[in-house]
Amino acid sequence: QVQLVESGGGLVQPGGSLRLSCGTSGIRFSSYTMAWYRQAPGNQREWVAHITGSSSTNYADSVKGRFTISRDNAQNTVFLQMNNLNPEDTAVYYCNAAHTLTRSLNYWGQGTQVTVSS
């Protein structure tokens, strides 16, 4: 059974930082590109960043320079370090696992709430 479990969300003041984690089980972690998405109220889910099995990364323009995605293949975990947060970053953040070769192998976590407010 595949499981993706996010943690690390919460309430933070503007300019603050949070580190999200997504622990996985039931997949061959190194064979998956891992990504973070987010969805704010009334908005569609949007891609934030991804990291390939070889740790190549890419970021949405809105978070470039502030967010850092990383992975620990030994711990089957992906992280999202978020710095200099602003209220526009408020959203539910979702972890996604996409197999590099088989498109049907695509999994989502349940999400973790990030709220940036003073």
C-alpha atoms as a PDB file:
ATOM      1  CA  GLN A   1       0.000   0.000   0.000  1.00  0.00           C
ATOM      2  CA  VAL A   2       1.395   3.355  -1.035  1.00  0.00           C
ATOM      3  CA  GLN A   3       1.389   6.126   1.535  1.00  0.00           C
ATOM      4  CA  LEU A   4       2.602   9.713   1.365  1.00  0.00           C
ATOM      5  CA  VAL A   5       2.359  11.587   4.652  1.00  0.00           C
ATOM      6  CA  GLU A   6       3.073  15.304   4.856  1.00  0.00           C
ATOM      7  CA  SER A   7       4.010  17.110   8.039  1.00  0.00           C
ATOM      8  CA  GLY A   8       5.479  20.409   9.166  1.00  0.00           C
ATOM      9  CA  GLY A   9       2.699  22.801   8.256  1.00  0.00           C
ATOM     10  CA  GLY A  10       1.381  25.450  10.596  1.00  0.00           C
ATOM     11  CA  LEU A  11       0.939  29.134  11.263  1.00  0.00           C
ATOM     12  CA  VAL A  12       3.880  31.438  10.656  1.00  0.00           C
ATOM     13  CA  GLN A  13       4.329  35.196  10.484  1.00  0.00           C
ATOM     14  CA  PRO A  14       5.299  36.931   7.248  1.00  0.00           C
ATOM     15  CA  GLY A  15       9.024  36.629   6.687  1.00  0.00           C
ATOM     16  CA  GLY A  16       9.172  33.408   8.649  1.00  0.00           C
ATOM     17  CA  SER A  17      10.193  29.901   7.651  1.00  0.00           C
ATOM     18  CA  LEU A  18       8.751  26.419   7.686  1.00  0.00           C
ATOM     19  CA  ARG A  19      10.088  23.042   6.639  1.00  0.00           C
ATOM     20  CA  LEU A  20       7.663  20.532   5.207  1.00  0.00           C
ATOM     21  CA  SER A  21       8.375  16.816   5.117  1.00  0.00           C
ATOM     22  CA  CYS A  22       6.750  14.042   3.128  1.00  0.00           C
ATOM     23  CA  GLY A  23       7.490  10.517   4.223  1.00  0.00           C
ATOM     24  CA  THR A  24       6.684   7.744   1.790  1.00  0.00           C
ATOM     25  CA  SER A  25       6.158   4.003   1.952  1.00  0.00           C
ATOM     26  CA  GLY A  26       5.183   1.343  -0.543  1.00  0.00           C
ATOM     27  CA  ILE A  27       7.156   2.799  -3.459  1.00  0.00           C
ATOM     28  CA  ARG A  28      10.670   2.456  -4.784  1.00  0.00           C
ATOM     29  CA  PHE A  29      11.463   6.017  -3.783  1.00  0.00           C
ATOM     30  CA  SER A  30      14.505   6.549  -5.993  1.00  0.00           C
ATOM     31  CA  SER A  31      12.413   5.749  -9.103  1.00  0.00           C
ATOM     32  CA  TYR A  32      10.056   8.636  -8.485  1.00  0.00           C
ATOM     33  CA  THR A  33      10.186  12.323  -9.182  1.00  0.00           C
ATOM     34  CA  MET A  34       8.884  13.993  -6.059  1.00  0.00           C
ATOM     35  CA  ALA A  35       6.994  17.252  -6.172  1.00  0.00           C
ATOM     36  CA  TRP A  36       5.202  19.740  -3.989  1.00  0.00           C
ATOM     37  CA  TYR A  37       1.955  21.358  -5.063  1.00  0.00           C
ATOM     38  CA  ARG A  38      -0.263  23.803  -3.254  1.00  0.00           C
ATOM     39  CA  GLN A  39      -3.872  24.875  -3.352  1.00  0.00           C
ATOM     40  CA  ALA A  40      -5.202  28.090  -1.891  1.00  0.00           C
ATOM     41  CA  PRO A  41      -8.919  28.560  -1.201  1.00  0.00           C
ATOM     42  CA  GLY A  42     -10.792  29.217  -4.440  1.00  0.00           C
ATOM     43  CA  ASN A  43      -7.732  28.437  -6.565  1.00  0.00           C
ATOM     44  CA  GLN A  44      -6.637  25.462  -8.602  1.00  0.00           C
ATOM     45  CA  ARG A  45      -3.853  23.259  -7.349  1.00  0.00           C
ATOM     46  CA  GLU A  46      -0.536  24.589  -8.594  1.00  0.00           C
ATOM     47  CA  TRP A  47       2.895  23.076  -8.931  1.00  0.00           C
ATOM     48  CA  VAL A  48       5.527  24.498  -6.589  1.00  0.00           C
ATOM     49  CA  ALA A  49       8.707  22.470  -7.138  1.00  0.00           C
ATOM     50  CA  HIS A  50       9.992  19.064  -8.079  1.00  0.00           C
ATOM     51  CA  ILE A  51      13.100  16.975  -7.636  1.00  0.00           C
ATOM     52  CA  THR A  52      14.080  13.993  -9.762  1.00  0.00           C
ATOM     53  CA  GLY A  53      15.609  10.771  -8.550  1.00  0.00           C
ATOM     54  CA  SER A  54      19.022  12.185  -9.408  1.00  0.00           C
ATOM     55  CA  SER A  55      18.181  15.355  -7.420  1.00  0.00           C
ATOM     56  CA  SER A  56      17.699  17.719 -10.337  1.00  0.00           C
ATOM     57  CA  THR A  57      15.336  20.460  -9.185  1.00  0.00           C
ATOM     58  CA  ASN A  58      12.979  23.009 -10.670  1.00  0.00           C
ATOM     59  CA  TYR A  59      10.801  25.696  -9.095  1.00  0.00           C
ATOM     60  CA  ALA A  60       7.803  27.826  -9.879  1.00  0.00           C
ATOM     61  CA  ASP A  61       8.790  31.454 -10.429  1.00  0.00           C
ATOM     62  CA  SER A  62       6.710  32.527  -7.426  1.00  0.00           C
ATOM     63  CA  VAL A  63       8.903  30.561  -5.003  1.00  0.00           C
ATOM     64  CA  LYS A  64      12.278  30.599  -6.739  1.00  0.00           C
ATOM     65  CA  GLY A  65      14.984  31.825  -4.397  1.00  0.00           C
ATOM     66  CA  ARG A  66      12.809  31.338  -1.307  1.00  0.00           C
ATOM     67  CA  PHE A  67      11.938  27.635  -1.329  1.00  0.00           C
ATOM     68  CA  THR A  68      14.310  24.684  -1.531  1.00  0.00           C
ATOM     69  CA  ILE A  69      13.242  21.123  -2.321  1.00  0.00           C
ATOM     70  CA  SER A  70      15.459  18.225  -1.287  1.00  0.00           C
ATOM     71  CA  ARG A  71      15.207  14.496  -0.824  1.00  0.00           C
ATOM     72  CA  ASP A  72      16.727  11.793   1.329  1.00  0.00           C
ATOM     73  CA  ASN A  73      16.593   8.558  -0.625  1.00  0.00           C
ATOM     74  CA  ALA A  74      17.745   6.562   2.397  1.00  0.00           C
ATOM     75  CA  GLN A  75      14.802   7.848   4.438  1.00  0.00           C
ATOM     76  CA  ASN A  76      12.302   7.844   1.524  1.00  0.00           C
ATOM     77  CA  THR A  77      11.480  11.437   2.377  1.00  0.00           C
ATOM     78  CA  VAL A  78      11.198  14.687   0.470  1.00  0.00           C
ATOM     79  CA  PHE A  79      11.453  18.112   2.077  1.00  0.00           C
ATOM     80  CA  LEU A  80      10.427  21.647   1.245  1.00  0.00           C
ATOM     81  CA  GLN A  81      12.292  24.398   3.062  1.00  0.00           C
ATOM     82  CA  MET A  82      10.253  27.577   2.812  1.00  0.00           C
ATOM     83  CA  ASN A  83      11.879  30.892   3.732  1.00  0.00           C
ATOM     84  CA  ASN A  84      10.698  34.477   3.626  1.00  0.00           C
ATOM     85  CA  LEU A  85       7.093  33.370   3.576  1.00  0.00           C
ATOM     86  CA  ASN A  86       4.371  35.820   2.640  1.00  0.00           C
ATOM     87  CA  PRO A  87       0.563  35.649   2.913  1.00  0.00           C
ATOM     88  CA  GLU A  88       0.312  34.598  -0.734  1.00  0.00           C
ATOM     89  CA  ASP A  89       2.010  31.341   0.244  1.00  0.00           C
ATOM     90  CA  THR A  90      -0.967  30.384   2.395  1.00  0.00           C
ATOM     91  CA  ALA A  91      -2.353  27.119   1.052  1.00  0.00           C
ATOM     92  CA  VAL A  92      -2.663  23.418   1.598  1.00  0.00           C
ATOM     93  CA  TYR A  93       0.600  21.874   0.447  1.00  0.00           C
ATOM     94  CA  TYR A  94       0.512  18.441  -1.177  1.00  0.00           C
ATOM     95  CA  CYS A  95       3.263  15.947  -1.820  1.00  0.00           C
ATOM     96  CA  ASN A  96       3.238  14.071  -5.129  1.00  0.00           C
ATOM     97  CA  ALA A  97       5.169  11.022  -6.307  1.00  0.00           C
ATOM     98  CA  ALA A  98       5.383  10.388 -10.053  1.00  0.00           C
ATOM     99  CA  HIS A  99       7.192   7.347 -11.437  1.00  0.00           C
ATOM    100  CA  THR A 100       9.813   8.380 -13.946  1.00  0.00           C
ATOM    101  CA  LEU A 101       8.736   5.790 -16.568  1.00  0.00           C
ATOM    102  CA  THR A 102       5.157   4.703 -15.794  1.00  0.00           C
ATOM    103  CA  ARG A 103       2.687   7.581 -15.774  1.00  0.00           C
ATOM    104  CA  SER A 104      -0.038   5.586 -14.094  1.00  0.00           C
ATOM    105  CA  LEU A 105       2.102   5.307 -10.969  1.00  0.00           C
ATOM    106  CA  ASN A 106       1.233   8.690  -9.509  1.00  0.00           C
ATOM    107  CA  TYR A 107       0.383   9.271  -5.865  1.00  0.00           C
ATOM    108  CA  TRP A 108      -0.687  12.119  -3.604  1.00  0.00           C
ATOM    109  CA  GLY A 109      -0.487  12.845   0.075  1.00  0.00           C
ATOM    110  CA  GLN A 110      -3.357  14.213   2.126  1.00  0.00           C
ATOM    111  CA  GLY A 111      -1.927  17.708   2.403  1.00  0.00           C
ATOM    112  CA  THR A 112      -0.705  19.965   5.182  1.00  0.00           C
ATOM    113  CA  GLN A 113      -1.970  23.471   5.877  1.00  0.00           C
ATOM    114  CA  VAL A 114       0.433  26.399   5.746  1.00  0.00           C
ATOM    115  CA  THR A 115      -0.911  29.734   6.940  1.00  0.00           C
ATOM    116  CA  VAL A 116       1.153  32.905   6.740  1.00  0.00           C
ATOM    117  CA  SER A 117      -0.393  35.661   8.801  1.00  0.00           C
ATOM    118  CA  SER A 118       0.506  38.276  11.374  1.00  0.00           C
END
